[in-house]
């Protein structure tokens, strides 16, 4: 099938493109600055300006939407928050406009969302039927994204919302920075350490995306995380053990993180424990369901 990916040059998009191509699918990317000579066909678009190559959407059988500026990049000033929201909402608004026009054969859209939509979940694992009750910035951003995607389903196109948490990869994301601190002997739990982290190995996430694209049984929101979330303290301890490093520092107090990071500290201090039961009920099998094995696989590669 022909797969069109927005945000395809990022961590997830790069690996997803590799796995799709290896499975025999035809991959194309939507990019604001197409680079000649890349491995995939590239169409130009500019969501902020509302422009897109008219051949892009007609190319596709299915679309993966990964577009959006990185929430961990840059301090959350008012301007940065606006850019984070616009980069997501503008992309979906433009896709909806093009999908509402005749002349294409897109049958499914998988759009990345985030477990931040639930806010602080505490001890009880959040399920997809739980009303998104978070009031912090990440929760609001995720709700805005999903609301912008909803009109696509009204066109009769199968829409899947993949609510993602911490993606484990040595190629990017949060893990290299965390591992670097541990290797230097600077690793420590953050805040109380009791806040939950919902995580997934990058390859399992990409396999989930492919299942969502190819199987019509998938529709609506899914928590796309491994079935065994862990606390921040447990994550840090297991990472140190896998890297054969001791943990000698005390916990980093929450007030220190708030002073250093401002509002952005909610990314590491807010607990997000989510359930993977709906994904498992669809018949998906994780290759890396346990944290220790997932980290061992990454650092053995």
C-alpha atoms as a PDB file:
ATOM      1  CA  UNK A   1       0.000   0.000   0.000  1.00  0.00           C
ATOM      2  CA  UNK A   2       1.006   3.637  -0.364  1.00  0.00           C
ATOM      3  CA  UNK A   3       1.720   5.267   3.004  1.00  0.00           C
ATOM      4  CA  UNK A   4       2.013   9.043   3.365  1.00  0.00           C
ATOM      5  CA  UNK A   5       3.737  10.201   6.566  1.00  0.00           C
ATOM      6  CA  UNK A   6       3.788  13.677   8.085  1.00  0.00           C
ATOM      7  CA  UNK A   7       6.653  14.308  10.492  1.00  0.00           C
ATOM      8  CA  UNK A   8       8.397  11.388   8.851  1.00  0.00           C
ATOM      9  CA  UNK A   9      11.974  12.555   9.485  1.00  0.00           C
ATOM     10  CA  UNK A  10      11.683  12.384  13.277  1.00  0.00           C
ATOM     11  CA  UNK A  11      12.553   9.463  15.553  1.00  0.00           C
ATOM     12  CA  UNK A  12       9.292   7.559  15.062  1.00  0.00           C
ATOM     13  CA  UNK A  13       8.822   8.432  11.407  1.00  0.00           C
ATOM     14  CA  UNK A  14      12.320   7.366  10.436  1.00  0.00           C
ATOM     15  CA  UNK A  15      12.008   3.905  11.968  1.00  0.00           C
ATOM     16  CA  UNK A  16       8.404   3.471  10.810  1.00  0.00           C
ATOM     17  CA  UNK A  17       9.434   4.287   7.234  1.00  0.00           C
ATOM     18  CA  UNK A  18      12.198   1.672   7.405  1.00  0.00           C
ATOM     19  CA  UNK A  19       9.860  -1.048   8.648  1.00  0.00           C
ATOM     20  CA  UNK A  20       7.129  -0.180   6.141  1.00  0.00           C
ATOM     21  CA  UNK A  21       9.579  -0.216   3.244  1.00  0.00           C
ATOM     22  CA  UNK A  22      11.068  -3.514   4.436  1.00  0.00           C
ATOM     23  CA  UNK A  23       7.546  -4.987   4.412  1.00  0.00           C
ATOM     24  CA  UNK A  24       7.073  -3.953   0.776  1.00  0.00           C
ATOM     25  CA  UNK A  25       4.961  -0.831   1.252  1.00  0.00           C
ATOM     26  CA  UNK A  26       5.554   2.399  -0.675  1.00  0.00           C
ATOM     27  CA  UNK A  27       6.449   5.300   1.618  1.00  0.00           C
ATOM     28  CA  UNK A  28       6.238   9.013   0.898  1.00  0.00           C
ATOM     29  CA  UNK A  29       6.802  11.947   3.222  1.00  0.00           C
ATOM     30  CA  UNK A  30       5.207  15.345   3.636  1.00  0.00           C
ATOM     31  CA  UNK A  31       7.853  17.927   4.447  1.00  0.00           C
ATOM     32  CA  UNK A  32       8.138  21.697   4.647  1.00  0.00           C
ATOM     33  CA  UNK A  33      11.642  21.490   3.167  1.00  0.00           C
ATOM     34  CA  UNK A  34      11.985  18.472   0.861  1.00  0.00           C
ATOM     35  CA  UNK A  35      15.578  17.320   0.486  1.00  0.00           C
ATOM     36  CA  UNK A  36      16.504  15.860  -2.902  1.00  0.00           C
ATOM     37  CA  UNK A  37      18.112  12.449  -3.043  1.00  0.00           C
ATOM     38  CA  UNK A  38      16.414  10.946   0.012  1.00  0.00           C
ATOM     39  CA  UNK A  39      15.275   7.313   0.191  1.00  0.00           C
ATOM     40  CA  UNK A  40      11.566   8.202  -0.078  1.00  0.00           C
ATOM     41  CA  UNK A  41       9.416  10.282  -2.349  1.00  0.00           C
ATOM     42  CA  UNK A  42       8.723  13.642  -0.694  1.00  0.00           C
ATOM     43  CA  UNK A  43       5.864  16.092  -1.158  1.00  0.00           C
ATOM     44  CA  UNK A  44       6.103  19.692   0.008  1.00  0.00           C
ATOM     45  CA  UNK A  45       3.585  21.291   2.328  1.00  0.00           C
ATOM     46  CA  UNK A  46       3.344  24.247   4.692  1.00  0.00           C
ATOM     47  CA  UNK A  47       0.561  23.772   7.262  1.00  0.00           C
ATOM     48  CA  UNK A  48       0.933  27.302   8.647  1.00  0.00           C
ATOM     49  CA  UNK A  49       0.330  28.753   5.183  1.00  0.00           C
ATOM     50  CA  UNK A  50      -2.270  26.111   4.264  1.00  0.00           C
ATOM     51  CA  UNK A  51      -0.378  24.924   1.182  1.00  0.00           C
ATOM     52  CA  UNK A  52       0.306  21.370   0.028  1.00  0.00           C
ATOM     53  CA  UNK A  53       1.450  19.604  -3.138  1.00  0.00           C
ATOM     54  CA  UNK A  54      -1.838  18.626  -4.838  1.00  0.00           C
ATOM     55  CA  UNK A  55      -0.405  15.189  -5.652  1.00  0.00           C
ATOM     56  CA  UNK A  56       0.326  14.285  -2.018  1.00  0.00           C
ATOM     57  CA  UNK A  57      -3.014  13.047  -0.691  1.00  0.00           C
ATOM     58  CA  UNK A  58      -4.040  11.339  -3.973  1.00  0.00           C
ATOM     59  CA  UNK A  59      -0.819   9.276  -3.675  1.00  0.00           C
ATOM     60  CA  UNK A  60      -1.893   7.728  -0.395  1.00  0.00           C
ATOM     61  CA  UNK A  61      -3.920   4.705   0.606  1.00  0.00           C
ATOM     62  CA  UNK A  62      -3.309   5.527   4.264  1.00  0.00           C
ATOM     63  CA  UNK A  63      -1.793   8.452   6.169  1.00  0.00           C
ATOM     64  CA  UNK A  64       0.268   8.572   9.358  1.00  0.00           C
ATOM     65  CA  UNK A  65       0.253  11.949  11.073  1.00  0.00           C
ATOM     66  CA  UNK A  66       3.299  12.526  13.285  1.00  0.00           C
ATOM     67  CA  UNK A  67       3.548  16.271  12.669  1.00  0.00           C
ATOM     68  CA  UNK A  68       4.246  18.559  15.586  1.00  0.00           C
ATOM     69  CA  UNK A  69       7.104  20.485  17.161  1.00  0.00           C
ATOM     70  CA  UNK A  70       8.884  18.630  19.984  1.00  0.00           C
ATOM     71  CA  UNK A  71       7.463  19.399  23.427  1.00  0.00           C
ATOM     72  CA  UNK A  72      10.855  18.845  25.071  1.00  0.00           C
ATOM     73  CA  UNK A  73      12.622  21.326  22.808  1.00  0.00           C
ATOM     74  CA  UNK A  74      12.791  24.874  24.090  1.00  0.00           C
ATOM     75  CA  UNK A  75      11.309  26.448  27.201  1.00  0.00           C
ATOM     76  CA  UNK A  76       7.525  26.762  27.341  1.00  0.00           C
ATOM     77  CA  UNK A  77       7.145  30.469  26.776  1.00  0.00           C
ATOM     78  CA  UNK A  78       3.791  31.743  25.524  1.00  0.00           C
ATOM     79  CA  UNK A  79       5.226  31.853  21.999  1.00  0.00           C
ATOM     80  CA  UNK A  80       6.558  28.292  22.264  1.00  0.00           C
ATOM     81  CA  UNK A  81       3.216  26.971  23.510  1.00  0.00           C
ATOM     82  CA  UNK A  82       1.502  28.650  20.584  1.00  0.00           C
ATOM     83  CA  UNK A  83       3.975  27.026  18.176  1.00  0.00           C
ATOM     84  CA  UNK A  84       3.483  23.585  19.741  1.00  0.00           C
ATOM     85  CA  UNK A  85      -0.279  23.827  19.350  1.00  0.00           C
ATOM     86  CA  UNK A  86      -0.225  25.377  15.874  1.00  0.00           C
ATOM     87  CA  UNK A  87       2.198  22.792  14.493  1.00  0.00           C
ATOM     88  CA  UNK A  88      -0.305  20.071  15.404  1.00  0.00           C
ATOM     89  CA  UNK A  89      -3.651  21.714  14.767  1.00  0.00           C
ATOM     90  CA  UNK A  90      -2.623  23.399  11.491  1.00  0.00           C
ATOM     91  CA  UNK A  91      -1.362  20.069  10.116  1.00  0.00           C
ATOM     92  CA  UNK A  92      -4.620  18.274  10.888  1.00  0.00           C
ATOM     93  CA  UNK A  93      -6.723  21.157   9.601  1.00  0.00           C
ATOM     94  CA  UNK A  94      -4.867  21.040   6.283  1.00  0.00           C
ATOM     95  CA  UNK A  95      -5.143  17.250   6.030  1.00  0.00           C
ATOM     96  CA  UNK A  96      -8.883  17.445   6.704  1.00  0.00           C
ATOM     97  CA  UNK A  97      -9.311  20.086   4.000  1.00  0.00           C
ATOM     98  CA  UNK A  98      -7.572  17.885   1.442  1.00  0.00           C
ATOM     99  CA  UNK A  99      -9.367  14.707   2.529  1.00  0.00           C
ATOM    100  CA  UNK A 100     -12.725  16.469   2.170  1.00  0.00           C
ATOM    101  CA  UNK A 101     -11.995  16.981  -1.511  1.00  0.00           C
ATOM    102  CA  UNK A 102     -12.743  14.332  -4.153  1.00  0.00           C
ATOM    103  CA  UNK A 103     -10.054  12.527  -6.096  1.00  0.00           C
ATOM    104  CA  UNK A 104      -8.286  10.512  -3.423  1.00  0.00           C
ATOM    105  CA  UNK A 105      -8.563   6.953  -2.063  1.00  0.00           C
ATOM    106  CA  UNK A 106      -7.362   7.373   1.528  1.00  0.00           C
ATOM    107  CA  UNK A 107      -9.093   4.812   3.695  1.00  0.00           C
ATOM    108  CA  UNK A 108      -7.365   5.327   7.069  1.00  0.00           C
ATOM    109  CA  UNK A 109      -5.531   7.962   9.061  1.00  0.00           C
ATOM    110  CA  UNK A 110      -3.447   7.135  12.129  1.00  0.00           C
ATOM    111  CA  UNK A 111      -2.699  10.290  14.094  1.00  0.00           C
ATOM    112  CA  UNK A 112      -0.244  10.464  16.982  1.00  0.00           C
ATOM    113  CA  UNK A 113      -1.583  11.794  20.260  1.00  0.00           C
ATOM    114  CA  UNK A 114      -0.174  11.470  23.790  1.00  0.00           C
ATOM    115  CA  UNK A 115      -0.962   9.934  27.166  1.00  0.00           C
ATOM    116  CA  UNK A 116      -0.575  13.444  28.532  1.00  0.00           C
ATOM    117  CA  UNK A 117      -4.266  13.814  27.707  1.00  0.00           C
ATOM    118  CA  UNK A 118      -5.129  12.063  30.987  1.00  0.00           C
ATOM    119  CA  UNK A 119      -3.207  14.437  33.246  1.00  0.00           C
ATOM    120  CA  UNK A 120      -1.961  12.948  36.516  1.00  0.00           C
ATOM    121  CA  UNK A 121      -3.424   9.436  36.659  1.00  0.00           C
ATOM    122  CA  UNK A 122      -2.185   8.454  40.114  1.00  0.00           C
ATOM    123  CA  UNK A 123      -2.173   4.719  40.879  1.00  0.00           C
ATOM    124  CA  UNK A 124      -5.148   3.681  38.751  1.00  0.00           C
ATOM    125  CA  UNK A 125      -4.237   2.821  35.128  1.00  0.00           C
ATOM    126  CA  UNK A 126      -6.083   5.114  32.725  1.00  0.00           C
ATOM    127  CA  UNK A 127      -8.162   3.473  30.000  1.00  0.00           C
ATOM    128  CA  UNK A 128      -9.345   4.955  26.724  1.00  0.00           C
ATOM    129  CA  UNK A 129     -12.939   5.324  27.940  1.00  0.00           C
ATOM    130  CA  UNK A 130     -11.802   7.606  30.777  1.00  0.00           C
ATOM    131  CA  UNK A 131     -12.816  11.208  30.055  1.00  0.00           C
ATOM    132  CA  UNK A 132      -9.619  13.248  29.524  1.00  0.00           C
ATOM    133  CA  UNK A 133      -9.602  15.282  32.730  1.00  0.00           C
ATOM    134  CA  UNK A 134      -6.090  16.754  32.742  1.00  0.00           C
ATOM    135  CA  UNK A 135      -5.847  20.529  33.043  1.00  0.00           C
ATOM    136  CA  UNK A 136      -2.122  21.011  32.528  1.00  0.00           C
ATOM    137  CA  UNK A 137      -0.559  22.161  29.266  1.00  0.00           C
ATOM    138  CA  UNK A 138       0.215  18.687  27.892  1.00  0.00           C
ATOM    139  CA  UNK A 139      -3.342  17.541  28.548  1.00  0.00           C
ATOM    140  CA  UNK A 140      -4.774  20.612  26.829  1.00  0.00           C
ATOM    141  CA  UNK A 141      -2.401  20.197  23.891  1.00  0.00           C
ATOM    142  CA  UNK A 142      -3.394  16.551  23.435  1.00  0.00           C
ATOM    143  CA  UNK A 143      -7.105  17.377  23.625  1.00  0.00           C
ATOM    144  CA  UNK A 144      -6.708  20.131  21.031  1.00  0.00           C
ATOM    145  CA  UNK A 145      -4.909  17.684  18.747  1.00  0.00           C
ATOM    146  CA  UNK A 146      -7.589  15.003  19.026  1.00  0.00           C
ATOM    147  CA  UNK A 147     -10.357  17.554  18.508  1.00  0.00           C
ATOM    148  CA  UNK A 148      -8.599  18.755  15.349  1.00  0.00           C
ATOM    149  CA  UNK A 149      -8.399  15.151  14.096  1.00  0.00           C
ATOM    150  CA  UNK A 150     -12.042  14.279  14.823  1.00  0.00           C
ATOM    151  CA  UNK A 151     -13.537  15.828  11.640  1.00  0.00           C
ATOM    152  CA  UNK A 152     -11.541  13.324   9.563  1.00  0.00           C
ATOM    153  CA  UNK A 153     -13.672  10.490  10.961  1.00  0.00           C
ATOM    154  CA  UNK A 154     -16.795  12.435   9.986  1.00  0.00           C
ATOM    155  CA  UNK A 155     -15.667  12.090   6.356  1.00  0.00           C
ATOM    156  CA  UNK A 156     -16.089   8.323   6.631  1.00  0.00           C
ATOM    157  CA  UNK A 157     -12.341   7.692   6.886  1.00  0.00           C
ATOM    158  CA  UNK A 158     -11.165   5.281   9.584  1.00  0.00           C
ATOM    159  CA  UNK A 159      -9.372   7.359  12.221  1.00  0.00           C
ATOM    160  CA  UNK A 160      -7.042   5.908  14.844  1.00  0.00           C
ATOM    161  CA  UNK A 161      -5.603   8.051  17.629  1.00  0.00           C
ATOM    162  CA  UNK A 162      -2.371   6.613  19.014  1.00  0.00           C
ATOM    163  CA  UNK A 163      -1.789   7.951  22.525  1.00  0.00           C
ATOM    164  CA  UNK A 164       1.972   7.668  23.012  1.00  0.00           C
ATOM    165  CA  UNK A 165       4.133   8.089  26.106  1.00  0.00           C
ATOM    166  CA  UNK A 166       7.886   7.674  26.506  1.00  0.00           C
ATOM    167  CA  UNK A 167       9.421   6.049  23.432  1.00  0.00           C
ATOM    168  CA  UNK A 168      12.568   4.057  24.164  1.00  0.00           C
ATOM    169  CA  UNK A 169      15.318   4.253  21.563  1.00  0.00           C
ATOM    170  CA  UNK A 170      19.047   4.857  21.611  1.00  0.00           C
ATOM    171  CA  UNK A 171      18.634   6.978  18.460  1.00  0.00           C
ATOM    172  CA  UNK A 172      16.771   9.813  20.149  1.00  0.00           C
ATOM    173  CA  UNK A 173      14.021  10.827  22.538  1.00  0.00           C
ATOM    174  CA  UNK A 174      14.424  10.848  26.314  1.00  0.00           C
ATOM    175  CA  UNK A 175      16.498   7.696  26.762  1.00  0.00           C
ATOM    176  CA  UNK A 176      19.948   8.879  25.547  1.00  0.00           C
ATOM    177  CA  UNK A 177      19.899  11.832  27.963  1.00  0.00           C
ATOM    178  CA  UNK A 178      18.771   9.658  30.875  1.00  0.00           C
ATOM    179  CA  UNK A 179      21.357   7.002  30.062  1.00  0.00           C
ATOM    180  CA  UNK A 180      24.076   9.636  29.710  1.00  0.00           C
ATOM    181  CA  UNK A 181      23.409  10.898  33.224  1.00  0.00           C
ATOM    182  CA  UNK A 182      23.446   7.362  34.625  1.00  0.00           C
ATOM    183  CA  UNK A 183      26.725   6.545  32.857  1.00  0.00           C
ATOM    184  CA  UNK A 184      28.310   9.646  34.418  1.00  0.00           C
ATOM    185  CA  UNK A 185      27.114   8.641  37.864  1.00  0.00           C
ATOM    186  CA  UNK A 186      24.554  11.467  37.892  1.00  0.00           C
ATOM    187  CA  UNK A 187      21.401   9.388  37.562  1.00  0.00           C
ATOM    188  CA  UNK A 188      18.734   9.889  40.226  1.00  0.00           C
ATOM    189  CA  UNK A 189      14.964   9.550  40.597  1.00  0.00           C
ATOM    190  CA  UNK A 190      13.083  12.780  39.975  1.00  0.00           C
ATOM    191  CA  UNK A 191      10.745  14.321  42.528  1.00  0.00           C
ATOM    192  CA  UNK A 192       9.132  11.674  44.712  1.00  0.00           C
ATOM    193  CA  UNK A 193      10.120   8.972  42.216  1.00  0.00           C
ATOM    194  CA  UNK A 194       6.643   7.464  42.689  1.00  0.00           C
ATOM    195  CA  UNK A 195       5.159   9.024  39.555  1.00  0.00           C
ATOM    196  CA  UNK A 196       4.475   6.449  36.846  1.00  0.00           C
ATOM    197  CA  UNK A 197       6.125   6.364  33.432  1.00  0.00           C
ATOM    198  CA  UNK A 198       4.285   4.675  30.593  1.00  0.00           C
ATOM    199  CA  UNK A 199       6.835   3.602  28.002  1.00  0.00           C
ATOM    200  CA  UNK A 200       7.218   1.613  24.785  1.00  0.00           C
ATOM    201  CA  UNK A 201      10.128   0.283  22.732  1.00  0.00           C
ATOM    202  CA  UNK A 202      10.358   2.147  19.412  1.00  0.00           C
ATOM    203  CA  UNK A 203      10.015  -1.028  17.340  1.00  0.00           C
ATOM    204  CA  UNK A 204       6.868  -2.101  19.201  1.00  0.00           C
ATOM    205  CA  UNK A 205       5.399   1.348  18.617  1.00  0.00           C
ATOM    206  CA  UNK A 206       6.107   1.137  14.888  1.00  0.00           C
ATOM    207  CA  UNK A 207       4.658  -2.381  14.731  1.00  0.00           C
ATOM    208  CA  UNK A 208       1.555  -1.016  16.409  1.00  0.00           C
ATOM    209  CA  UNK A 209       1.287   1.751  13.817  1.00  0.00           C
ATOM    210  CA  UNK A 210       1.540  -0.816  11.034  1.00  0.00           C
ATOM    211  CA  UNK A 211      -1.189  -2.936  12.633  1.00  0.00           C
ATOM    212  CA  UNK A 212      -3.404   0.141  12.888  1.00  0.00           C
ATOM    213  CA  UNK A 213      -2.813   0.951   9.224  1.00  0.00           C
ATOM    214  CA  UNK A 214      -3.412  -2.515   7.838  1.00  0.00           C
ATOM    215  CA  UNK A 215      -6.220  -3.899  10.042  1.00  0.00           C
ATOM    216  CA  UNK A 216      -9.630  -2.246   9.739  1.00  0.00           C
ATOM    217  CA  UNK A 217     -10.601  -3.431  13.234  1.00  0.00           C
ATOM    218  CA  UNK A 218      -8.554  -0.605  14.737  1.00  0.00           C
ATOM    219  CA  UNK A 219     -10.422   2.694  15.178  1.00  0.00           C
ATOM    220  CA  UNK A 220     -10.639   5.418  17.775  1.00  0.00           C
ATOM    221  CA  UNK A 221      -8.146   6.073  20.604  1.00  0.00           C
ATOM    222  CA  UNK A 222      -5.573   3.556  21.835  1.00  0.00           C
ATOM    223  CA  UNK A 223      -2.975   3.761  24.564  1.00  0.00           C
ATOM    224  CA  UNK A 224       0.050   2.686  22.553  1.00  0.00           C
ATOM    225  CA  UNK A 225       2.309   1.725  25.453  1.00  0.00           C
ATOM    226  CA  UNK A 226       3.848  -1.445  26.807  1.00  0.00           C
ATOM    227  CA  UNK A 227       1.625  -3.299  29.294  1.00  0.00           C
ATOM    228  CA  UNK A 228       3.881  -2.761  32.332  1.00  0.00           C
ATOM    229  CA  UNK A 229       4.372   0.906  33.292  1.00  0.00           C
ATOM    230  CA  UNK A 230       6.878   1.600  36.077  1.00  0.00           C
ATOM    231  CA  UNK A 231       7.597   4.365  38.547  1.00  0.00           C
ATOM    232  CA  UNK A 232      10.278   6.917  37.846  1.00  0.00           C
ATOM    233  CA  UNK A 233      12.391   5.424  40.621  1.00  0.00           C
ATOM    234  CA  UNK A 234      12.038   1.883  39.240  1.00  0.00           C
ATOM    235  CA  UNK A 235      12.858   3.067  35.719  1.00  0.00           C
ATOM    236  CA  UNK A 236      16.019   4.804  36.919  1.00  0.00           C
ATOM    237  CA  UNK A 237      17.093   1.767  38.952  1.00  0.00           C
ATOM    238  CA  UNK A 238      16.567  -0.707  36.103  1.00  0.00           C
ATOM    239  CA  UNK A 239      18.365   1.563  33.633  1.00  0.00           C
ATOM    240  CA  UNK A 240      21.344   1.795  35.983  1.00  0.00           C
ATOM    241  CA  UNK A 241      21.429  -1.977  36.395  1.00  0.00           C
ATOM    242  CA  UNK A 242      21.286  -2.570  32.644  1.00  0.00           C
ATOM    243  CA  UNK A 243      24.125  -0.075  32.154  1.00  0.00           C
ATOM    244  CA  UNK A 244      26.076  -1.596  35.080  1.00  0.00           C
ATOM    245  CA  UNK A 245      26.297   1.696  36.916  1.00  0.00           C
ATOM    246  CA  UNK A 246      25.559   2.462  40.580  1.00  0.00           C
ATOM    247  CA  UNK A 247      22.955   4.973  41.706  1.00  0.00           C
ATOM    248  CA  UNK A 248      24.607   7.085  44.389  1.00  0.00           C
ATOM    249  CA  UNK A 249      22.749  10.401  44.225  1.00  0.00           C
ATOM    250  CA  UNK A 250      19.611  11.201  46.245  1.00  0.00           C
ATOM    251  CA  UNK A 251      16.326  12.023  44.558  1.00  0.00           C
ATOM    252  CA  UNK A 252      16.168  15.376  42.806  1.00  0.00           C
ATOM    253  CA  UNK A 253      13.583  17.435  44.740  1.00  0.00           C
ATOM    254  CA  UNK A 254      10.519  18.566  42.851  1.00  0.00           C
ATOM    255  CA  UNK A 255      11.074  22.220  43.771  1.00  0.00           C
ATOM    256  CA  UNK A 256      14.536  22.123  42.178  1.00  0.00           C
ATOM    257  CA  UNK A 257      13.066  20.787  38.941  1.00  0.00           C
ATOM    258  CA  UNK A 258      10.351  23.452  38.985  1.00  0.00           C
ATOM    259  CA  UNK A 259      12.934  26.171  39.507  1.00  0.00           C
ATOM    260  CA  UNK A 260      15.098  24.830  36.688  1.00  0.00           C
ATOM    261  CA  UNK A 261      12.392  23.897  34.191  1.00  0.00           C
ATOM    262  CA  UNK A 262       9.386  25.994  35.115  1.00  0.00           C
ATOM    263  CA  UNK A 263       6.060  24.680  33.844  1.00  0.00           C
ATOM    264  CA  UNK A 264       7.945  22.200  31.678  1.00  0.00           C
ATOM    265  CA  UNK A 265       8.764  20.210  34.839  1.00  0.00           C
ATOM    266  CA  UNK A 266       5.283  18.668  34.559  1.00  0.00           C
ATOM    267  CA  UNK A 267       6.761  16.408  31.881  1.00  0.00           C
ATOM    268  CA  UNK A 268       8.803  14.554  34.504  1.00  0.00           C
ATOM    269  CA  UNK A 269       6.827  15.166  37.704  1.00  0.00           C
ATOM    270  CA  UNK A 270       3.349  14.202  36.501  1.00  0.00           C
ATOM    271  CA  UNK A 271       2.562  10.503  36.751  1.00  0.00           C
ATOM    272  CA  UNK A 272       0.908   8.905  33.736  1.00  0.00           C
ATOM    273  CA  UNK A 273      -0.003   5.281  34.341  1.00  0.00           C
ATOM    274  CA  UNK A 274      -2.056   3.997  31.432  1.00  0.00           C
ATOM    275  CA  UNK A 275      -3.545   0.644  30.519  1.00  0.00           C
ATOM    276  CA  UNK A 276      -2.607  -1.306  27.388  1.00  0.00           C
ATOM    277  CA  UNK A 277      -5.624  -3.611  27.767  1.00  0.00           C
ATOM    278  CA  UNK A 278      -7.393  -2.308  24.651  1.00  0.00           C
ATOM    279  CA  UNK A 279      -4.313  -2.855  22.482  1.00  0.00           C
ATOM    280  CA  UNK A 280      -3.885  -6.370  23.890  1.00  0.00           C
ATOM    281  CA  UNK A 281      -7.571  -7.102  23.272  1.00  0.00           C
ATOM    282  CA  UNK A 282      -6.988  -6.313  19.592  1.00  0.00           C
ATOM    283  CA  UNK A 283      -4.579  -9.250  19.527  1.00  0.00           C
ATOM    284  CA  UNK A 284      -1.346  -7.268  19.411  1.00  0.00           C
ATOM    285  CA  UNK A 285       1.696  -9.035  20.862  1.00  0.00           C
ATOM    286  CA  UNK A 286       4.524  -6.930  22.257  1.00  0.00           C
ATOM    287  CA  UNK A 287       8.059  -8.039  21.482  1.00  0.00           C
ATOM    288  CA  UNK A 288       9.298  -6.006  24.458  1.00  0.00           C
ATOM    289  CA  UNK A 289       6.618  -5.991  27.186  1.00  0.00           C
ATOM    290  CA  UNK A 290       9.006  -5.711  30.166  1.00  0.00           C
ATOM    291  CA  UNK A 291      11.272  -2.730  30.822  1.00  0.00           C
ATOM    292  CA  UNK A 292      14.442  -4.636  31.711  1.00  0.00           C
ATOM    293  CA  UNK A 293      14.322  -6.760  28.552  1.00  0.00           C
ATOM    294  CA  UNK A 294      13.492  -3.729  26.387  1.00  0.00           C
ATOM    295  CA  UNK A 295      16.502  -1.811  27.709  1.00  0.00           C
ATOM    296  CA  UNK A 296      18.751  -4.849  27.399  1.00  0.00           C
ATOM    297  CA  UNK A 297      17.684  -5.268  23.762  1.00  0.00           C
ATOM    298  CA  UNK A 298      18.434  -1.612  23.045  1.00  0.00           C
ATOM    299  CA  UNK A 299      21.858  -1.588  24.655  1.00  0.00           C
ATOM    300  CA  UNK A 300      22.856  -4.956  23.246  1.00  0.00           C
ATOM    301  CA  UNK A 301      22.258  -3.684  19.697  1.00  0.00           C
END
